[in-house]
Structures are given as structure tokens and as C-alpha cells.
PDB file of N, CA and C in Angstrom:
ATOM      1  N   UNK A   1      18.081 237.485  31.861  1.00  0.00           N
ATOM      2  CA  UNK A   1      18.786 237.199  30.789  1.00  0.00           C
ATOM      3  C   UNK A   1      20.097 237.607  31.211  1.00  0.00           C
ATOM      4  N   UNK A   2      20.824 236.387  31.943  1.00  0.00           N
ATOM      5  CA  UNK A   2      22.556 236.590  31.805  1.00  0.00           C
ATOM      6  C   UNK A   2      23.372 236.863  30.799  1.00  0.00           C
ATOM      7  N   UNK A   3      24.675 238.437  30.239  1.00  0.00           N
ATOM      8  CA  UNK A   3      24.586 238.017  28.495  1.00  0.00           C
ATOM      9  C   UNK A   3      26.242 238.478  29.010  1.00  0.00           C
ATOM     10  N   UNK A   4      27.097 237.047  28.686  1.00  0.00           N
ATOM     11  CA  UNK A   4      28.758 237.279  28.705  1.00  0.00           C
ATOM     12  C   UNK A   4      29.492 238.499  27.265  1.00  0.00           C
ATOM     13  N   UNK A   5      30.304 239.164  28.581  1.00  0.00           N
ATOM     14  CA  UNK A   5      31.042 239.241  28.098  1.00  0.00           C
ATOM     15  C   UNK A   5      32.602 239.192  27.768  1.00  0.00           C
ATOM     16  N   UNK A   6      32.914 239.264  26.708  1.00  0.00           N
ATOM     17  CA  UNK A   6      34.672 238.806  26.606  1.00  0.00           C
ATOM     18  C   UNK A   6      35.211 239.843  25.768  1.00  0.00           C
ATOM     19  N   UNK A   7      36.603 239.267  26.492  1.00  0.00           N
ATOM     20  CA  UNK A   7      36.895 241.060  25.074  1.00  0.00           C
ATOM     21  C   UNK A   7      37.996 240.628  24.955  1.00  0.00           C
ATOM     22  N   UNK A   8      38.181 240.033  23.583  1.00  0.00           N
ATOM     23  CA  UNK A   8      39.763 239.943  22.984  1.00  0.00           C
ATOM     24  C   UNK A   8      40.715 240.499  22.392  1.00  0.00           C
ATOM     25  N   UNK A   9      41.578 239.415  23.136  1.00  0.00           N
ATOM     26  CA  UNK A   9      43.348 240.156  23.034  1.00  0.00           C
ATOM     27  C   UNK A   9      43.991 240.200  21.886  1.00  0.00           C
ATOM     28  N   UNK A  10      44.619 240.142  21.029  1.00  0.00           N
ATOM     29  CA  UNK A  10      45.710 240.425  20.568  1.00  0.00           C
ATOM     30  C   UNK A  10      47.693 240.443  21.043  1.00  0.00           C
ATOM     31  N   UNK A  11      47.211 239.193  21.398  1.00  0.00           N
ATOM     32  CA  UNK A  11      48.463 239.015  22.626  1.00  0.00           C
ATOM     33  C   UNK A  11      50.146 238.744  21.148  1.00  0.00           C
ATOM     34  N   UNK A  12      49.655 238.967  20.197  1.00  0.00           N
ATOM     35  CA  UNK A  12      50.632 238.648  18.923  1.00  0.00           C
ATOM     36  C   UNK A  12      51.086 239.684  19.035  1.00  0.00           C
ATOM     37  N   UNK A  13      50.682 240.839  18.923  1.00  0.00           N
ATOM     38  CA  UNK A  13      51.498 242.320  19.430  1.00  0.00           C
ATOM     39  C   UNK A  13      52.127 242.366  20.755  1.00  0.00           C
ATOM     40  N   UNK A  14      53.143 242.961  21.088  1.00  0.00           N
ATOM     41  CA  UNK A  14      54.242 242.814  22.314  1.00  0.00           C
ATOM     42  C   UNK A  14      52.367 243.782  23.162  1.00  0.00           C
ATOM     43  N   UNK A  15      52.200 244.683  22.803  1.00  0.00           N
ATOM     44  CA  UNK A  15      51.368 245.188  23.370  1.00  0.00           C
ATOM     45  C   UNK A  15      50.838 245.715  22.863  1.00  0.00           C
ATOM     46  N   UNK A  16      50.301 246.184  21.631  1.00  0.00           N
ATOM     47  CA  UNK A  16      49.835 246.387  20.504  1.00  0.00           C
ATOM     48  C   UNK A  16      49.963 247.696  20.878  1.00  0.00           C
ATOM     49  N   UNK A  17      50.855 248.331  20.172  1.00  0.00           N
ATOM     50  CA  UNK A  17      51.471 249.748  20.305  1.00  0.00           C
ATOM     51  C   UNK A  17      51.759 249.826  18.519  1.00  0.00           C
ATOM     52  N   UNK A  18      52.349 251.065  18.121  1.00  0.00           N
ATOM     53  CA  UNK A  18      52.468 251.100  17.154  1.00  0.00           C
ATOM     54  C   UNK A  18      53.974 250.930  16.781  1.00  0.00           C
ATOM     55  N   UNK A  19      54.269 250.366  15.456  1.00  0.00           N
ATOM     56  CA  UNK A  19      55.713 251.078  14.514  1.00  0.00           C
ATOM     57  C   UNK A  19      56.114 252.286  15.445  1.00  0.00           C
ATOM     58  N   UNK A  20      55.293 252.924  15.265  1.00  0.00           N
ATOM     59  CA  UNK A  20      55.857 254.767  15.763  1.00  0.00           C
ATOM     60  C   UNK A  20      56.145 255.334  17.883  1.00  0.00           C
ATOM     61  N   UNK A  21      55.519 254.175  18.350  1.00  0.00           N
ATOM     62  CA  UNK A  21      55.949 254.022  19.047  1.00  0.00           C
ATOM     63  C   UNK A  21      56.785 253.056  20.014  1.00  0.00           C
ATOM     64  N   UNK A  22      57.466 252.124  19.412  1.00  0.00           N
ATOM     65  CA  UNK A  22      57.984 251.305  19.366  1.00  0.00           C
ATOM     66  C   UNK A  22      59.717 251.415  18.867  1.00  0.00           C
ATOM     67  N   UNK A  23      59.687 252.300  17.948  1.00  0.00           N
ATOM     68  CA  UNK A  23      60.641 253.682  17.697  1.00  0.00           C
ATOM     69  C   UNK A  23      61.569 254.344  18.544  1.00  0.00           C
ATOM     70  N   UNK A  24      59.607 255.157  18.538  1.00  0.00           N
ATOM     71  CA  UNK A  24      60.366 255.540  19.922  1.00  0.00           C
ATOM     72  C   UNK A  24      60.666 255.458  20.790  1.00  0.00           C
ATOM     73  N   UNK A  25      60.488 254.755  21.068  1.00  0.00           N
ATOM     74  CA  UNK A  25      61.176 254.269  23.266  1.00  0.00           C
ATOM     75  C   UNK A  25      62.479 253.155  22.742  1.00  0.00           C
ATOM     76  N   UNK A  26      62.311 252.478  21.280  1.00  0.00           N
ATOM     77  CA  UNK A  26      64.340 252.747  21.192  1.00  0.00           C
ATOM     78  C   UNK A  26      64.557 253.559  21.152  1.00  0.00           C
ATOM     79  N   UNK A  27      64.190 255.222  20.714  1.00  0.00           N
ATOM     80  CA  UNK A  27      65.254 255.891  20.341  1.00  0.00           C
ATOM     81  C   UNK A  27      65.830 256.188  22.050  1.00  0.00           C
ATOM     82  N   UNK A  28      64.241 256.604  22.411  1.00  0.00           N
ATOM     83  CA  UNK A  28      64.608 256.926  24.083  1.00  0.00           C
ATOM     84  C   UNK A  28      66.029 255.903  25.075  1.00  0.00           C
ATOM     85  N   UNK A  29      65.029 254.430  24.562  1.00  0.00           N
ATOM     86  CA  UNK A  29      65.977 253.717  25.642  1.00  0.00           C
ATOM     87  C   UNK A  29      67.487 253.422  24.955  1.00  0.00           C
ATOM     88  N   UNK A  30      68.642 254.464  23.585  1.00  0.00           N
ATOM     89  CA  UNK A  30      69.083 254.052  23.446  1.00  0.00           C
ATOM     90  C   UNK A  30      69.935 255.454  23.909  1.00  0.00           C
ATOM     91  N   UNK A  31      69.298 256.842  23.801  1.00  0.00           N
ATOM     92  CA  UNK A  31      69.558 257.803  24.624  1.00  0.00           C
ATOM     93  C   UNK A  31      69.437 257.589  25.997  1.00  0.00           C
ATOM     94  N   UNK A  32      69.140 256.621  26.695  1.00  0.00           N
ATOM     95  CA  UNK A  32      69.183 256.865  28.040  1.00  0.00           C
ATOM     96  C   UNK A  32      70.580 255.679  28.339  1.00  0.00           C
ATOM     97  N   UNK A  33      71.228 254.586  27.408  1.00  0.00           N
ATOM     98  CA  UNK A  33      72.153 254.231  27.048  1.00  0.00           C
ATOM     99  C   UNK A  33      73.383 254.782  27.397  1.00  0.00           C
ATOM    100  N   UNK A  34      73.443 255.981  26.093  1.00  0.00           N
ATOM    101  CA  UNK A  34      74.535 256.974  25.477  1.00  0.00           C
ATOM    102  C   UNK A  34      74.500 257.587  26.366  1.00  0.00           C
ATOM    103  N   UNK A  35      73.921 258.601  27.223  1.00  0.00           N
ATOM    104  CA  UNK A  35      73.776 260.087  28.335  1.00  0.00           C
ATOM    105  C   UNK A  35      74.913 258.564  29.528  1.00  0.00           C
ATOM    106  N   UNK A  36      74.291 257.465  30.145  1.00  0.00           N
ATOM    107  CA  UNK A  36      74.823 256.657  31.489  1.00  0.00           C
ATOM    108  C   UNK A  36      76.175 256.325  30.620  1.00  0.00           C
ATOM    109  N   UNK A  37      76.638 255.991  29.478  1.00  0.00           N
ATOM    110  CA  UNK A  37      77.453 255.786  29.257  1.00  0.00           C
ATOM    111  C   UNK A  37      78.529 257.303  29.536  1.00  0.00           C
ATOM    112  N   UNK A  38      77.930 258.253  29.348  1.00  0.00           N
ATOM    113  CA  UNK A  38      79.299 259.756  28.844  1.00  0.00           C
ATOM    114  C   UNK A  38      79.625 259.523  30.149  1.00  0.00           C
ATOM    115  N   UNK A  39      78.448 258.900  31.079  1.00  0.00           N
ATOM    116  CA  UNK A  39      78.789 260.486  33.220  1.00  0.00           C
ATOM    117  C   UNK A  39      79.224 258.629  32.915  1.00  0.00           C
ATOM    118  N   UNK A  40      80.193 257.847  32.814  1.00  0.00           N
ATOM    119  CA  UNK A  40      80.717 257.115  33.138  1.00  0.00           C
ATOM    120  C   UNK A  40      82.497 257.602  33.325  1.00  0.00           C
ATOM    121  N   UNK A  41      83.098 257.177  34.096  1.00  0.00           N
ATOM    122  CA  UNK A  41      84.304 257.469  34.067  1.00  0.00           C
ATOM    123  C   UNK A  41      85.351 257.031  33.774  1.00  0.00           C
ATOM    124  N   UNK A  42      86.437 258.417  32.146  1.00  0.00           N
ATOM    125  CA  UNK A  42      87.165 257.362  32.032  1.00  0.00           C
ATOM    126  C   UNK A  42      86.586 256.242  30.344  1.00  0.00           C
ATOM    127  N   UNK A  43      88.039 255.593  30.182  1.00  0.00           N
ATOM    128  CA  UNK A  43      87.284 254.750  28.765  1.00  0.00           C
ATOM    129  C   UNK A  43      86.916 253.879  28.429  1.00  0.00           C
ATOM    130  N   UNK A  44      87.792 253.223  29.910  1.00  0.00           N
ATOM    131  CA  UNK A  44      87.213 251.803  30.413  1.00  0.00           C
ATOM    132  C   UNK A  44      86.166 251.026  31.647  1.00  0.00           C
ATOM    133  N   UNK A  45      85.896 249.872  31.051  1.00  0.00           N
ATOM    134  CA  UNK A  45      85.553 249.388  31.908  1.00  0.00           C
ATOM    135  C   UNK A  45      85.615 248.125  33.289  1.00  0.00           C
ATOM    136  N   UNK A  46      86.038 248.081  34.422  1.00  0.00           N
ATOM    137  CA  UNK A  46      86.961 247.079  34.617  1.00  0.00           C
ATOM    138  C   UNK A  46      85.782 245.916  34.551  1.00  0.00           C
ATOM    139  N   UNK A  47      85.338 244.082  34.412  1.00  0.00           N
ATOM    140  CA  UNK A  47      84.505 243.880  34.056  1.00  0.00           C
ATOM    141  C   UNK A  47      83.753 243.824  36.059  1.00  0.00           C
ATOM    142  N   UNK A  48      84.670 243.748  37.133  1.00  0.00           N
ATOM    143  CA  UNK A  48      83.932 243.684  38.390  1.00  0.00           C
ATOM    144  C   UNK A  48      83.385 244.706  38.430  1.00  0.00           C
ATOM    145  N   UNK A  49      83.041 245.833  38.002  1.00  0.00           N
ATOM    146  CA  UNK A  49      82.536 247.334  37.496  1.00  0.00           C
ATOM    147  C   UNK A  49      80.967 247.110  36.888  1.00  0.00           C
ATOM    148  N   UNK A  50      81.404 245.780  35.540  1.00  0.00           N
ATOM    149  CA  UNK A  50      79.912 245.681  35.068  1.00  0.00           C
ATOM    150  C   UNK A  50      78.548 246.233  35.131  1.00  0.00           C
ATOM    151  N   UNK A  51      77.857 245.383  36.339  1.00  0.00           N
ATOM    152  CA  UNK A  51      76.834 245.421  36.531  1.00  0.00           C
ATOM    153  C   UNK A  51      76.396 247.495  36.965  1.00  0.00           C
ATOM    154  N   UNK A  52      77.183 247.721  37.888  1.00  0.00           N
ATOM    155  CA  UNK A  52      77.870 249.719  38.183  1.00  0.00           C
ATOM    156  C   UNK A  52      76.713 250.067  36.036  1.00  0.00           C
ATOM    157  N   UNK A  53      78.102 250.397  35.398  1.00  0.00           N
ATOM    158  CA  UNK A  53      78.107 250.106  34.057  1.00  0.00           C
ATOM    159  C   UNK A  53      76.956 250.054  33.449  1.00  0.00           C
ATOM    160  N   UNK A  54      75.797 248.804  33.260  1.00  0.00           N
ATOM    161  CA  UNK A  54      74.822 248.832  32.785  1.00  0.00           C
ATOM    162  C   UNK A  54      74.173 248.705  33.913  1.00  0.00           C
ATOM    163  N   UNK A  55      73.706 249.619  35.020  1.00  0.00           N
ATOM    164  CA  UNK A  55      73.010 249.659  35.377  1.00  0.00           C
ATOM    165  C   UNK A  55      71.733 248.702  35.858  1.00  0.00           C
ATOM    166  N   UNK A  56      72.716 247.426  36.642  1.00  0.00           N
ATOM    167  CA  UNK A  56      72.238 246.460  37.098  1.00  0.00           C
ATOM    168  C   UNK A  56      71.870 244.404  35.635  1.00  0.00           C
ATOM    169  N   UNK A  57      71.609 245.433  34.398  1.00  0.00           N
ATOM    170  CA  UNK A  57      70.782 244.636  33.086  1.00  0.00           C
ATOM    171  C   UNK A  57      71.516 243.372  33.521  1.00  0.00           C
ATOM    172  N   UNK A  58      73.309 243.816  33.485  1.00  0.00           N
ATOM    173  CA  UNK A  58      73.894 242.390  33.727  1.00  0.00           C
ATOM    174  C   UNK A  58      75.196 242.039  34.717  1.00  0.00           C
ATOM    175  N   UNK A  59      74.945 241.254  35.339  1.00  0.00           N
ATOM    176  CA  UNK A  59      76.285 240.792  35.683  1.00  0.00           C
ATOM    177  C   UNK A  59      77.419 239.984  35.351  1.00  0.00           C
ATOM    178  N   UNK A  60      78.689 241.146  36.476  1.00  0.00           N
ATOM    179  CA  UNK A  60      80.541 241.136  35.950  1.00  0.00           C
ATOM    180  C   UNK A  60      80.565 239.119  35.964  1.00  0.00           C
ATOM    181  N   UNK A  61      79.196 238.414  36.880  1.00  0.00           N
ATOM    182  CA  UNK A  61      79.753 236.737  36.582  1.00  0.00           C
ATOM    183  C   UNK A  61      78.503 236.233  35.069  1.00  0.00           C
ATOM    184  N   UNK A  62      77.328 237.079  34.341  1.00  0.00           N
ATOM    185  CA  UNK A  62      77.410 236.803  33.051  1.00  0.00           C
ATOM    186  C   UNK A  62      77.841 236.958  32.465  1.00  0.00           C
ATOM    187  N   UNK A  63      78.650 238.774  32.359  1.00  0.00           N
ATOM    188  CA  UNK A  63      80.051 238.906  31.550  1.00  0.00           C
ATOM    189  C   UNK A  63      81.123 238.058  30.907  1.00  0.00           C
ATOM    190  N   UNK A  64      81.730 238.055  32.224  1.00  0.00           N
ATOM    191  CA  UNK A  64      82.607 236.588  32.321  1.00  0.00           C
ATOM    192  C   UNK A  64      82.622 235.518  31.952  1.00  0.00           C
ATOM    193  N   UNK A  65      81.170 234.983  31.395  1.00  0.00           N
ATOM    194  CA  UNK A  65      80.933 234.105  31.241  1.00  0.00           C
ATOM    195  C   UNK A  65      81.022 233.693  29.926  1.00  0.00           C
ATOM    196  N   UNK A  66      80.132 235.065  29.884  1.00  0.00           N
ATOM    197  CA  UNK A  66      79.442 235.295  27.685  1.00  0.00           C
ATOM    198  C   UNK A  66      81.816 235.699  26.656  1.00  0.00           C
ATOM    199  N   UNK A  67      82.426 236.544  27.564  1.00  0.00           N
ATOM    200  CA  UNK A  67      83.975 236.631  27.731  1.00  0.00           C
ATOM    201  C   UNK A  67      84.102 234.609  26.873  1.00  0.00           C
ATOM    202  N   UNK A  68      83.989 234.304  28.929  1.00  0.00           N
ATOM    203  CA  UNK A  68      84.718 232.983  28.225  1.00  0.00           C
ATOM    204  C   UNK A  68      84.606 232.202  27.177  1.00  0.00           C
ATOM    205  N   UNK A  69      83.406 232.653  26.132  1.00  0.00           N
ATOM    206  CA  UNK A  69      82.961 232.359  24.718  1.00  0.00           C
ATOM    207  C   UNK A  69      82.901 232.701  23.810  1.00  0.00           C
ATOM    208  N   UNK A  70      83.497 233.829  23.979  1.00  0.00           N
ATOM    209  CA  UNK A  70      83.483 234.551  22.975  1.00  0.00           C
ATOM    210  C   UNK A  70      82.718 234.915  22.301  1.00  0.00           C
ATOM    211  N   UNK A  71      81.687 235.753  23.242  1.00  0.00           N
ATOM    212  CA  UNK A  71      80.292 236.488  23.044  1.00  0.00           C
ATOM    213  C   UNK A  71      80.468 237.354  23.735  1.00  0.00           C
ATOM    214  N   UNK A  72      80.676 237.957  24.629  1.00  0.00           N
ATOM    215  CA  UNK A  72      81.323 239.176  25.538  1.00  0.00           C
ATOM    216  C   UNK A  72      81.381 239.885  24.613  1.00  0.00           C
ATOM    217  N   UNK A  73      81.497 241.716  25.350  1.00  0.00           N
ATOM    218  CA  UNK A  73      82.249 242.750  24.670  1.00  0.00           C
ATOM    219  C   UNK A  73      83.790 242.597  23.972  1.00  0.00           C
ATOM    220  N   UNK A  74      83.854 243.349  23.089  1.00  0.00           N
ATOM    221  CA  UNK A  74      85.465 242.929  22.417  1.00  0.00           C
ATOM    222  C   UNK A  74      85.987 243.443  23.103  1.00  0.00           C
ATOM    223  N   UNK A  75      87.013 243.137  22.996  1.00  0.00           N
ATOM    224  CA  UNK A  75      88.051 244.306  23.363  1.00  0.00           C
ATOM    225  C   UNK A  75      89.158 243.953  24.595  1.00  0.00           C
ATOM    226  N   UNK A  76      87.842 242.374  25.073  1.00  0.00           N
ATOM    227  CA  UNK A  76      88.914 243.030  26.771  1.00  0.00           C
ATOM    228  C   UNK A  76      90.163 242.537  26.944  1.00  0.00           C
ATOM    229  N   UNK A  77      89.930 243.187  27.726  1.00  0.00           N
ATOM    230  CA  UNK A  77      92.349 243.060  28.085  1.00  0.00           C
ATOM    231  C   UNK A  77      92.165 242.122  29.888  1.00  0.00           C
ATOM    232  N   UNK A  78      93.590 241.902  30.036  1.00  0.00           N
ATOM    233  CA  UNK A  78      93.811 241.781  31.137  1.00  0.00           C
ATOM    234  C   UNK A  78      94.917 242.507  31.965  1.00  0.00           C
ATOM    235  N   UNK A  79      94.330 243.436  32.952  1.00  0.00           N
ATOM    236  CA  UNK A  79      95.344 244.243  33.288  1.00  0.00           C
ATOM    237  C   UNK A  79      95.314 244.096  34.887  1.00  0.00           C
ATOM    238  N   UNK A  80      96.830 243.447  34.577  1.00  0.00           N
ATOM    239  CA  UNK A  80      97.162 242.631  36.475  1.00  0.00           C
ATOM    240  C   UNK A  80      96.308 241.560  36.967  1.00  0.00           C
ATOM    241  N   UNK A  81      95.270 240.893  37.302  1.00  0.00           N
ATOM    242  CA  UNK A  81      94.625 240.214  37.948  1.00  0.00           C
ATOM    243  C   UNK A  81      93.217 240.626  37.668  1.00  0.00           C
ATOM    244  N   UNK A  82      92.889 241.870  36.824  1.00  0.00           N
ATOM    245  CA  UNK A  82      91.502 242.016  37.034  1.00  0.00           C
ATOM    246  C   UNK A  82      91.909 242.171  34.982  1.00  0.00           C
ATOM    247  N   UNK A  83      89.927 242.007  34.140  1.00  0.00           N
ATOM    248  CA  UNK A  83      89.920 242.161  33.331  1.00  0.00           C
ATOM    249  C   UNK A  83      89.304 243.673  33.131  1.00  0.00           C
ATOM    250  N   UNK A  84      89.670 244.123  32.063  1.00  0.00           N
ATOM    251  CA  UNK A  84      89.092 245.426  30.865  1.00  0.00           C
ATOM    252  C   UNK A  84      88.801 244.830  30.321  1.00  0.00           C
ATOM    253  N   UNK A  85      87.210 246.172  29.972  1.00  0.00           N
ATOM    254  CA  UNK A  85      86.787 246.213  28.791  1.00  0.00           C
ATOM    255  C   UNK A  85      86.871 247.833  28.759  1.00  0.00           C
ATOM    256  N   UNK A  86      87.346 247.821  26.822  1.00  0.00           N
ATOM    257  CA  UNK A  86      86.586 249.070  26.291  1.00  0.00           C
ATOM    258  C   UNK A  86      85.384 249.317  26.624  1.00  0.00           C
ATOM    259  N   UNK A  87      84.960 251.160  27.192  1.00  0.00           N
ATOM    260  CA  UNK A  87      83.754 251.437  27.302  1.00  0.00           C
ATOM    261  C   UNK A  87      82.431 251.910  25.655  1.00  0.00           C
ATOM    262  N   UNK A  88      83.840 252.009  25.237  1.00  0.00           N
ATOM    263  CA  UNK A  88      82.924 251.752  23.291  1.00  0.00           C
ATOM    264  C   UNK A  88      82.755 250.155  22.730  1.00  0.00           C
ATOM    265  N   UNK A  89      82.828 249.437  23.124  1.00  0.00           N
ATOM    266  CA  UNK A  89      83.096 247.787  22.688  1.00  0.00           C
ATOM    267  C   UNK A  89      81.617 247.354  24.095  1.00  0.00           C
ATOM    268  N   UNK A  90      81.838 248.260  25.434  1.00  0.00           N
ATOM    269  CA  UNK A  90      80.598 247.300  26.609  1.00  0.00           C
ATOM    270  C   UNK A  90      79.408 248.919  25.762  1.00  0.00           C
ATOM    271  N   UNK A  91      79.512 249.916  25.379  1.00  0.00           N
ATOM    272  CA  UNK A  91      77.908 250.325  25.052  1.00  0.00           C
ATOM    273  C   UNK A  91      77.961 249.414  23.571  1.00  0.00           C
ATOM    274  N   UNK A  92      78.018 249.180  22.939  1.00  0.00           N
ATOM    275  CA  UNK A  92      77.596 248.781  21.771  1.00  0.00           C
ATOM    276  C   UNK A  92      77.408 247.243  22.131  1.00  0.00           C
ATOM    277  N   UNK A  93      78.550 246.346  22.836  1.00  0.00           N
ATOM    278  CA  UNK A  93      77.504 245.204  23.237  1.00  0.00           C
ATOM    279  C   UNK A  93      76.202 245.212  23.786  1.00  0.00           C
ATOM    280  N   UNK A  94      75.772 247.029  24.715  1.00  0.00           N
ATOM    281  CA  UNK A  94      73.992 247.203  25.612  1.00  0.00           C
ATOM    282  C   UNK A  94      73.882 246.755  24.244  1.00  0.00           C
ATOM    283  N   UNK A  95      73.370 248.010  23.130  1.00  0.00           N
ATOM    284  CA  UNK A  95      72.349 248.406  22.440  1.00  0.00           C
ATOM    285  C   UNK A  95      72.677 247.500  21.291  1.00  0.00           C
ATOM    286  N   UNK A  96      73.204 246.175  21.336  1.00  0.00           N
ATOM    287  CA  UNK A  96      72.591 245.434  20.902  1.00  0.00           C
ATOM    288  C   UNK A  96      71.818 244.337  20.914  1.00  0.00           C
ATOM    289  N   UNK A  97      72.080 244.384  22.393  1.00  0.00           N
ATOM    290  CA  UNK A  97      70.931 243.245  22.751  1.00  0.00           C
ATOM    291  C   UNK A  97      69.573 244.456  23.357  1.00  0.00           C
ATOM    292  N   UNK A  98      69.334 245.067  23.049  1.00  0.00           N
ATOM    293  CA  UNK A  98      67.986 246.154  23.746  1.00  0.00           C
ATOM    294  C   UNK A  98      66.861 245.572  22.479  1.00  0.00           C
ATOM    295  N   UNK A  99      66.085 245.433  23.482  1.00  0.00           N
ATOM    296  CA  UNK A  99      64.463 245.335  22.868  1.00  0.00           C
ATOM    297  C   UNK A  99      63.730 246.199  24.036  1.00  0.00           C
ATOM    298  N   UNK A 100      62.734 246.864  23.081  1.00  0.00           N
ATOM    299  CA  UNK A 100      61.654 247.373  23.462  1.00  0.00           C
ATOM    300  C   UNK A 100      60.255 247.035  23.180  1.00  0.00           C
TER     301      UNK A 100
END
């Protein structure tokens, strides 16, 4: 007689991890973002370099679209033909969108 083994997986919990695990992952991600930002030269981020600043998470085109809708990093300004973002608001933008 054949028996059927069935494994029940709870998909409601993203990875069945505890809240402590999620908090640890969140803190590690925040630390990684802050270390990367500290290594960034200067206090401004040219829009053209946002993809590099965010380690490829967001393209400069996507950020430009968000800026046109007033949903991007705050404090953007024009310097000649270039759009410039303050590093502090760019970091806050990344932290606000962090999911673990």
C-alpha cells in the first residue's frame, strides 16, 4: 500500500522566520545602506549616478520619474543641466523603502 506524504507550508509568513530574525535582517540592511552612503564621496548625489549610489536598486530614470511626481528624494535641485540630490535625503529615500 502506498502512502502519500504531504507537507504543509504556511505561506502567510514570508519565510517562517521570527520577528527577531526579521529585525536582525532589517538592522543589517540599514547598516549596509549607511556604510555604503558613508563611502560615497561628497554630500550630493547627481541624479545620473543614483543607480550607482543605490547599488543598482533604483535607476536614475525611475528616480527622475518619481521626482516629476513629487515622490522622490526631497531637496532635489538643478545645477546647470544636472539634477542634484542631497545625500541625506537619498539615504532616507532608500531607508523608507526598505523591506526585509
